[in-house]
Structures are given as C-alpha cells and as structure tokens.
N, C-alpha and C. Protein backbone atom coordinates (compact mmCIF):
# COMPACT_ATOMS: atom_id res chain seq x y z
N MET A 1 0.03 24.62 -15.02
CA MET A 1 0.95 23.62 -15.07
C MET A 1 1.61 23.10 -15.33
N ARG A 2 3.20 23.00 -15.51
CA ARG A 2 3.99 21.97 -16.28
C ARG A 2 4.34 20.91 -15.20
N TRP A 3 4.41 20.27 -15.58
CA TRP A 3 4.79 18.64 -14.24
C TRP A 3 5.54 18.30 -14.62
N PHE A 4 6.84 17.73 -13.97
CA PHE A 4 7.74 16.67 -14.46
C PHE A 4 7.97 15.91 -13.44
N LEU A 5 7.67 14.44 -13.78
CA LEU A 5 8.04 13.14 -13.37
C LEU A 5 9.13 12.69 -13.18
N LEU A 6 9.95 12.83 -11.41
CA LEU A 6 11.35 12.73 -11.41
C LEU A 6 11.50 11.40 -11.06
N ASP A 7 12.69 11.01 -12.37
CA ASP A 7 12.84 9.30 -11.90
C ASP A 7 14.33 9.39 -11.39
N ALA A 8 14.42 8.51 -10.45
CA ALA A 8 14.96 7.82 -9.87
C ALA A 8 16.65 8.47 -10.31
N SER A 9 16.93 8.33 -11.51
CA SER A 9 17.86 8.04 -12.18
C SER A 9 18.23 9.05 -11.87
N VAL A 10 17.73 10.43 -12.09
CA VAL A 10 18.25 11.82 -11.95
C VAL A 10 18.13 11.92 -10.20
N ALA A 11 17.22 11.94 -9.49
CA ALA A 11 16.67 12.00 -8.39
C ALA A 11 18.22 11.27 -7.41
N LEU A 12 18.71 10.36 -7.58
CA LEU A 12 19.93 10.15 -6.69
C LEU A 12 20.91 10.73 -6.82
N ARG A 13 21.42 10.87 -8.34
CA ARG A 13 22.45 12.33 -8.90
C ARG A 13 22.28 13.37 -8.12
N VAL A 14 21.50 13.83 -7.97
CA VAL A 14 20.87 14.85 -7.21
C VAL A 14 21.01 14.68 -5.86
N VAL A 15 21.30 13.89 -5.19
CA VAL A 15 21.13 13.69 -3.72
C VAL A 15 22.54 13.75 -3.13
N LEU A 16 22.86 12.28 -4.41
CA LEU A 16 24.43 12.52 -4.23
C LEU A 16 25.56 13.28 -4.67
N GLY A 17 24.90 14.93 -5.19
CA GLY A 17 26.06 15.42 -5.60
C GLY A 17 26.85 15.24 -7.00
N ARG A 18 25.87 14.32 -7.41
CA ARG A 18 26.89 14.32 -8.83
C ARG A 18 26.16 14.16 -10.30
N SER A 19 25.01 15.69 -9.82
CA SER A 19 24.67 15.66 -11.21
C SER A 19 24.52 17.51 -10.73
N PRO A 20 25.28 18.28 -11.05
CA PRO A 20 25.12 19.76 -10.79
C PRO A 20 23.84 20.07 -11.64
N ALA A 21 24.21 20.08 -12.97
CA ALA A 21 23.70 19.95 -13.97
C ALA A 21 22.00 19.81 -13.39
N ALA A 22 21.52 18.41 -12.90
CA ALA A 22 20.29 18.28 -12.54
C ALA A 22 20.12 18.76 -11.48
N ALA A 23 20.56 19.39 -10.74
CA ALA A 23 20.73 19.92 -9.54
C ALA A 23 19.61 21.75 -9.87
N THR A 24 21.05 21.79 -10.79
CA THR A 24 20.46 23.27 -11.71
C THR A 24 18.67 23.71 -11.86
N TRP A 25 18.39 21.74 -12.81
CA TRP A 25 17.19 21.80 -13.06
C TRP A 25 16.20 21.77 -12.17
N ILE A 26 16.23 21.20 -11.23
CA ILE A 26 15.54 20.83 -10.53
C ILE A 26 15.08 22.19 -9.40
N ASP A 27 16.74 23.11 -9.26
CA ASP A 27 16.32 24.63 -8.69
C ASP A 27 14.96 25.21 -9.45
N SER A 28 15.50 25.39 -10.87
CA SER A 28 14.62 26.29 -11.44
C SER A 28 12.80 25.69 -12.27
N VAL A 29 13.22 24.18 -11.85
CA VAL A 29 12.01 23.91 -11.63
C VAL A 29 10.79 24.64 -10.46
N ASN A 30 11.73 24.14 -9.22
CA ASN A 30 11.09 24.50 -8.20
C ASN A 30 10.84 26.06 -8.03
N GLY A 31 12.16 27.45 -9.00
CA GLY A 31 11.46 28.25 -8.93
C GLY A 31 10.59 28.31 -9.15
N ASP A 32 9.77 28.08 -10.08
CA ASP A 32 8.98 28.31 -11.09
C ASP A 32 7.30 27.79 -10.59
N PRO A 33 6.40 28.80 -10.52
CA PRO A 33 5.65 28.49 -9.82
C PRO A 33 4.60 27.69 -10.66
N ASP A 34 4.71 27.70 -12.26
CA ASP A 34 4.07 26.79 -13.21
C ASP A 34 4.68 25.85 -13.88
N GLN A 35 5.75 25.29 -12.67
CA GLN A 35 6.35 24.75 -12.98
C GLN A 35 6.23 23.31 -11.33
N GLY A 36 5.96 22.24 -11.40
CA GLY A 36 6.32 21.22 -10.35
C GLY A 36 6.68 19.94 -10.76
N LEU A 37 6.87 19.12 -9.19
CA LEU A 37 8.12 18.15 -9.55
C LEU A 37 6.58 16.87 -8.81
N ILE A 38 6.39 15.60 -9.33
CA ILE A 38 5.60 14.86 -8.84
C ILE A 38 6.59 13.81 -8.88
N ALA A 39 6.38 12.19 -8.34
CA ALA A 39 7.23 11.51 -8.93
C ALA A 39 6.41 10.39 -7.40
N SER A 40 6.78 8.82 -7.73
CA SER A 40 6.18 7.83 -7.49
C SER A 40 6.52 7.81 -5.82
N ARG A 41 5.99 7.05 -5.01
CA ARG A 41 6.23 7.25 -3.80
C ARG A 41 7.43 6.94 -3.28
N LEU A 42 7.10 5.54 -4.46
CA LEU A 42 8.35 4.62 -4.58
C LEU A 42 10.04 5.19 -4.20
N LEU A 43 9.72 6.59 -4.77
CA LEU A 43 11.31 7.23 -5.30
C LEU A 43 11.92 7.29 -3.96
N LYS A 44 10.96 7.96 -2.40
CA LYS A 44 12.09 8.04 -1.09
C LYS A 44 12.09 6.46 -0.91
N THR A 45 11.16 5.67 -1.09
CA THR A 45 12.39 4.02 -1.06
C THR A 45 13.50 4.43 -1.25
N GLU A 46 13.64 4.12 -2.88
CA GLU A 46 14.67 4.17 -3.17
C GLU A 46 15.99 4.86 -3.31
N ILE A 47 15.27 6.44 -2.55
CA ILE A 47 16.55 6.99 -2.33
C ILE A 47 16.62 6.96 -0.68
N THR A 48 15.92 6.15 0.25
CA THR A 48 15.99 5.66 1.04
C THR A 48 17.52 4.36 1.14
N ARG A 49 17.18 3.64 0.49
CA ARG A 49 18.17 2.60 0.42
C ARG A 49 19.62 2.69 0.25
N VAL A 50 19.31 3.88 -0.77
CA VAL A 50 20.94 4.11 -1.88
C VAL A 50 21.66 4.85 -0.70
N LEU A 51 20.89 5.81 0.63
CA LEU A 51 21.91 6.46 1.66
C LEU A 51 21.50 5.80 2.73
N ARG A 52 21.39 5.09 2.81
CA ARG A 52 21.20 3.75 3.75
C ARG A 52 23.06 2.75 3.33
N ARG A 53 22.92 2.36 2.21
CA ARG A 53 23.79 1.45 1.45
C ARG A 53 24.90 2.71 1.50
N GLU A 54 25.33 3.94 1.63
CA GLU A 54 26.35 4.53 1.52
C GLU A 54 26.72 4.98 2.59
N GLY A 55 25.90 4.84 3.91
CA GLY A 55 26.81 5.07 4.60
C GLY A 55 25.69 6.80 4.88
N LEU A 56 25.60 7.49 4.53
CA LEU A 56 25.04 8.81 4.53
C LEU A 56 23.63 8.77 4.90
N PRO A 57 23.34 10.50 6.11
CA PRO A 57 22.01 10.43 7.02
C PRO A 57 20.92 10.10 5.98
N VAL A 58 19.97 9.74 6.10
CA VAL A 58 18.58 9.37 5.30
C VAL A 58 17.53 10.84 5.65
N SER A 59 18.49 11.68 6.18
CA SER A 59 17.67 12.88 6.01
C SER A 59 18.09 13.72 4.95
N MET A 60 19.35 12.97 4.03
CA MET A 60 19.42 14.26 2.73
C MET A 60 18.49 13.84 1.74
N ARG A 61 17.08 12.96 1.51
CA ARG A 61 16.22 12.78 0.84
C ARG A 61 15.51 13.68 1.08
N ASP A 62 15.32 14.52 2.16
CA ASP A 62 13.96 15.61 2.43
C ASP A 62 14.93 16.59 1.55
N GLU A 63 16.02 16.72 1.57
CA GLU A 63 16.31 17.93 0.65
C GLU A 63 16.36 18.07 -0.55
N LEU A 64 15.74 17.02 -1.28
CA LEU A 64 14.47 17.17 -2.12
C LEU A 64 13.03 16.71 -2.36
N LEU A 65 13.48 15.71 -1.70
CA LEU A 65 11.52 15.29 -1.47
C LEU A 65 10.87 16.84 -1.17
N ASP A 66 11.03 17.32 -0.13
CA ASP A 66 10.30 18.29 0.21
C ASP A 66 10.20 19.15 -0.68
N TYR A 67 10.39 19.34 -1.77
CA TYR A 67 10.04 19.57 -3.17
C TYR A 67 9.02 19.33 -4.30
N VAL A 68 9.29 18.07 -4.22
CA VAL A 68 8.06 16.91 -4.73
C VAL A 68 6.79 16.12 -3.91
N GLN A 69 5.94 16.47 -5.32
CA GLN A 69 4.83 16.06 -4.60
C GLN A 69 4.63 14.29 -5.18
N LEU A 70 4.76 13.51 -4.42
CA LEU A 70 4.72 12.04 -4.36
C LEU A 70 3.42 11.62 -4.66
N ILE A 71 3.45 10.74 -5.34
CA ILE A 71 1.93 9.90 -5.39
C ILE A 71 1.76 8.08 -4.99
N PRO A 72 0.69 8.54 -4.62
CA PRO A 72 0.61 6.75 -3.35
C PRO A 72 0.98 5.46 -4.53
N ILE A 73 1.03 4.81 -3.60
CA ILE A 73 1.26 3.34 -4.74
C ILE A 73 0.34 2.61 -3.94
N SER A 74 -0.93 2.35 -4.84
CA SER A 74 -2.06 1.66 -4.95
C SER A 74 -2.17 0.41 -5.31
N ASP A 75 -2.97 -0.30 -4.70
CA ASP A 75 -3.07 -1.80 -5.69
C ASP A 75 -3.48 -1.13 -7.55
N ALA A 76 -4.15 -0.41 -7.31
CA ALA A 76 -4.44 0.40 -8.78
C ALA A 76 -2.72 0.71 -9.64
N VAL A 77 -1.98 1.10 -9.24
CA VAL A 77 -0.91 1.34 -9.52
C VAL A 77 -0.19 0.20 -9.82
N LEU A 78 0.45 -0.44 -8.79
CA LEU A 78 0.61 -1.63 -9.52
C LEU A 78 -0.28 -2.48 -10.43
N ALA A 79 -1.34 -3.00 -10.32
CA ALA A 79 -2.19 -3.04 -12.05
C ALA A 79 -1.86 -2.52 -12.84
N GLN A 80 -1.48 -0.85 -12.67
CA GLN A 80 -1.21 -0.63 -14.05
C GLN A 80 0.89 -0.93 -14.59
N ALA A 81 0.78 -1.13 -13.60
CA ALA A 81 2.97 -1.30 -13.99
C ALA A 81 2.48 -2.79 -14.56
N GLU A 82 1.71 -3.64 -13.66
CA GLU A 82 1.61 -4.91 -14.78
C GLU A 82 1.16 -4.86 -16.28
N ALA A 83 -0.30 -3.63 -16.30
CA ALA A 83 -0.22 -3.89 -17.54
C ALA A 83 0.42 -3.34 -18.54
N ILE A 84 1.68 -2.95 -18.50
CA ILE A 84 2.79 -2.13 -19.54
C ILE A 84 3.43 -2.85 -20.15
N VAL A 85 3.01 -3.28 -21.66
CA VAL A 85 3.25 -4.12 -22.55
C VAL A 85 5.31 -3.99 -22.67
N PRO A 86 5.58 -2.83 -22.84
CA PRO A 86 7.18 -3.02 -23.11
C PRO A 86 7.43 -3.62 -22.18
N HIS A 87 8.82 -3.97 -22.28
CA HIS A 87 9.60 -4.47 -21.46
C HIS A 87 10.09 -3.27 -20.73
N ILE A 88 10.15 -3.38 -19.40
CA ILE A 88 10.40 -2.58 -18.33
C ILE A 88 11.23 -2.99 -16.98
N LYS A 89 12.07 -2.66 -15.88
CA LYS A 89 12.51 -2.93 -15.07
C LYS A 89 10.98 -3.38 -14.10
N SER A 90 10.74 -3.73 -13.35
CA SER A 90 9.67 -3.09 -12.46
C SER A 90 9.22 -2.13 -11.56
N LEU A 91 10.41 -1.75 -11.24
CA LEU A 91 10.08 -0.81 -10.15
C LEU A 91 10.37 0.83 -11.14
N ASP A 92 10.57 1.03 -12.30
CA ASP A 92 10.33 1.98 -13.08
C ASP A 92 8.81 1.74 -13.96
N ALA A 93 8.73 0.36 -13.89
CA ALA A 93 7.20 0.06 -14.85
C ALA A 93 6.44 1.02 -12.99
N ILE A 94 6.50 0.36 -12.14
CA ILE A 94 5.78 1.64 -11.32
C ILE A 94 6.13 2.78 -11.03
N HIS A 95 7.44 3.56 -11.25
CA HIS A 95 7.06 5.37 -11.61
C HIS A 95 6.28 5.20 -12.38
N LEU A 96 6.59 4.63 -13.92
CA LEU A 96 5.45 4.81 -14.73
C LEU A 96 4.34 4.89 -14.47
N ALA A 97 3.71 3.91 -13.94
CA ALA A 97 2.38 4.02 -13.86
C ALA A 97 1.68 5.22 -12.99
N SER A 98 1.99 5.10 -11.81
CA SER A 98 1.83 6.27 -10.78
C SER A 98 1.59 7.39 -11.94
N LEU A 99 2.37 8.11 -13.11
CA LEU A 99 2.50 8.67 -13.01
C LEU A 99 0.96 8.11 -13.94
N ILE A 100 0.90 7.46 -14.79
CA ILE A 100 -0.21 7.32 -15.54
C ILE A 100 -1.71 7.03 -14.93
N HIS A 101 -1.62 6.73 -13.37
CA HIS A 101 -2.85 6.51 -12.79
C HIS A 101 -3.28 8.19 -12.29
N THR A 102 -2.04 9.12 -12.19
CA THR A 102 -2.74 10.42 -11.93
C THR A 102 -3.27 11.28 -13.03
N GLY A 103 -3.38 10.25 -14.25
CA GLY A 103 -4.20 11.34 -15.09
C GLY A 103 -3.02 12.53 -15.63
N ILE A 104 -2.11 12.82 -15.29
CA ILE A 104 -1.43 14.03 -15.47
C ILE A 104 -0.33 13.76 -16.71
N ASP A 105 -0.64 15.04 -17.44
CA ASP A 105 0.47 15.19 -19.05
C ASP A 105 1.66 15.57 -18.39
N ALA A 106 2.85 14.81 -18.37
CA ALA A 106 3.72 15.40 -17.31
C ALA A 106 4.54 14.70 -18.16
N THR A 107 5.65 15.53 -18.46
CA THR A 107 7.19 14.93 -18.98
C THR A 107 8.04 14.17 -18.08
N VAL A 108 8.64 12.76 -18.15
CA VAL A 108 8.98 11.95 -17.58
C VAL A 108 10.67 12.43 -17.67
N ALA A 109 11.73 12.91 -16.73
CA ALA A 109 12.80 13.41 -16.25
C ALA A 109 13.79 11.94 -15.67
N THR A 110 14.48 11.58 -16.75
CA THR A 110 15.09 10.65 -16.38
C THR A 110 16.39 10.78 -17.34
N HIS A 111 17.36 9.83 -16.59
CA HIS A 111 18.60 9.41 -17.39
C HIS A 111 19.04 8.17 -17.95
N ASP A 112 17.66 7.62 -17.96
CA ASP A 112 17.69 6.09 -17.92
C ASP A 112 17.36 5.51 -19.39
N ALA A 113 17.91 5.47 -20.65
CA ALA A 113 17.84 5.07 -21.80
C ALA A 113 16.37 3.96 -21.75
N THR A 114 16.31 3.15 -20.99
CA THR A 114 14.82 2.05 -20.84
C THR A 114 13.90 3.41 -20.81
N MET A 115 14.14 3.96 -19.92
CA MET A 115 13.13 4.33 -18.67
C MET A 115 12.50 5.37 -20.20
N ALA A 116 13.50 6.18 -20.86
CA ALA A 116 13.21 7.48 -21.39
C ALA A 116 12.45 7.09 -23.11
N HIS A 117 12.44 5.38 -23.09
CA HIS A 117 12.21 5.07 -24.57
C HIS A 117 10.52 4.46 -24.19
N VAL A 118 10.48 3.73 -23.18
CA VAL A 118 9.18 3.17 -22.53
C VAL A 118 8.41 4.45 -22.17
N ALA A 119 8.77 5.63 -21.09
CA ALA A 119 8.01 6.41 -21.40
C ALA A 119 7.08 7.09 -23.08
N GLN A 120 8.25 7.46 -23.68
CA GLN A 120 8.37 7.72 -25.34
C GLN A 120 6.87 7.07 -25.13
N LEU A 121 6.95 5.17 -25.48
CA LEU A 121 6.49 4.83 -26.48
C LEU A 121 4.97 4.89 -26.02
N LEU A 122 4.55 5.27 -24.16
CA LEU A 122 3.32 5.69 -23.91
C LEU A 122 2.59 6.99 -24.21
N GLY A 123 3.64 7.75 -24.24
CA GLY A 123 3.42 9.13 -25.35
C GLY A 123 3.29 10.00 -24.27
N TYR A 124 4.55 9.70 -23.48
CA TYR A 124 5.20 11.12 -22.82
C TYR A 124 6.48 11.72 -23.03
N PRO A 125 6.33 13.17 -23.45
CA PRO A 125 7.94 13.54 -23.11
C PRO A 125 8.72 13.32 -22.46
N VAL A 126 10.17 13.14 -22.86
CA VAL A 126 10.95 12.85 -21.94
C VAL A 126 12.25 14.62 -21.92
N LEU A 127 12.36 14.10 -21.33
CA LEU A 127 13.88 14.91 -20.48
C LEU A 127 14.84 14.60 -19.68
N ASP A 128 16.10 15.00 -20.23
CA ASP A 128 17.13 14.77 -18.96
C ASP A 128 17.73 15.77 -18.86
N PRO A 129 17.89 15.76 -17.28
CA PRO A 129 18.03 17.03 -16.91
C PRO A 129 19.98 16.59 -16.52
N VAL A 130 20.37 15.27 -16.44
CA VAL A 130 21.60 15.12 -16.22
C VAL A 130 22.45 15.69 -17.52
N ALA A 131 22.16 15.41 -18.38
CA ALA A 131 22.75 15.41 -19.51
C ALA A 131 22.42 17.03 -20.15
N GLY A 132 21.81 17.46 -19.50
CA GLY A 132 21.98 19.29 -19.76
C GLY A 132 20.46 19.66 -20.49
N GLY A 133 19.23 18.47 -20.60
CA GLY A 133 18.01 18.62 -21.46
C GLY A 133 18.13 17.83 -22.37
C-alpha cells in the first residue's frame, strides 16, 4: 500500500475549490485500492476553523475527510512534534509527528515549502499536488 500524508496546505485548497489539480490527484489516490490518504486529526480542526472563518458549511470538510484516515493526537505525538529539530511551525510539526508516530513510510503531500523541506530532512519523499506533482 502506498500512503500519502495529506497536509492542510493541500487539503484546504481542495475543500475551498482552489486547486483542481490537487482535487484530481486526491480522486486518483482514492480511486486506487493500492493507495491511501492519512492525516493528523489536527487536519479536521484546521479545515473546520477555516470554513467557520469563511462562513461556509462545516459539512464541506467531510467531502474530503470521509476518504482520509485520521491519526489521533496523543501525548506521544506531541512529544514527537517537540523533538523535531529543524525549525517548523507548531501545527506542521504535529502533522509530521503524527506520521512519524505511525511508523508508516508515506509520501508527504504538501504545498508548503518549509513543510516539504523538513519532511525531506526527516527522510520522507514529498509531492506537491497543487503544483501538479
């Protein structure tokens, strides 16, 4: 199974309809039984907050998250986020720590340059579906 960690920089563009390329990529991953999407449980909160800020229905998040396996945030995940040495924003560190905690060898799907850089430093391959791969 090939797994992709879905970052908020990609997910939010899809939910808000701002990246047809990323939406097409997500559809292709979900249509392939040998591929799957995972994300930190944090992603649900991030999408919810943006939808509330924009005055959009929170139910829009489920159109995406129904196809994503969410990784619970535990004290161990938070401790792992604190242990990441290269500088990265706290929420991004939690996303990466969620992946590290699972032990899954996934590709990080992100449109954020810092997230991509740190993910690569941690040994994860990176894909930018917003930019078309």
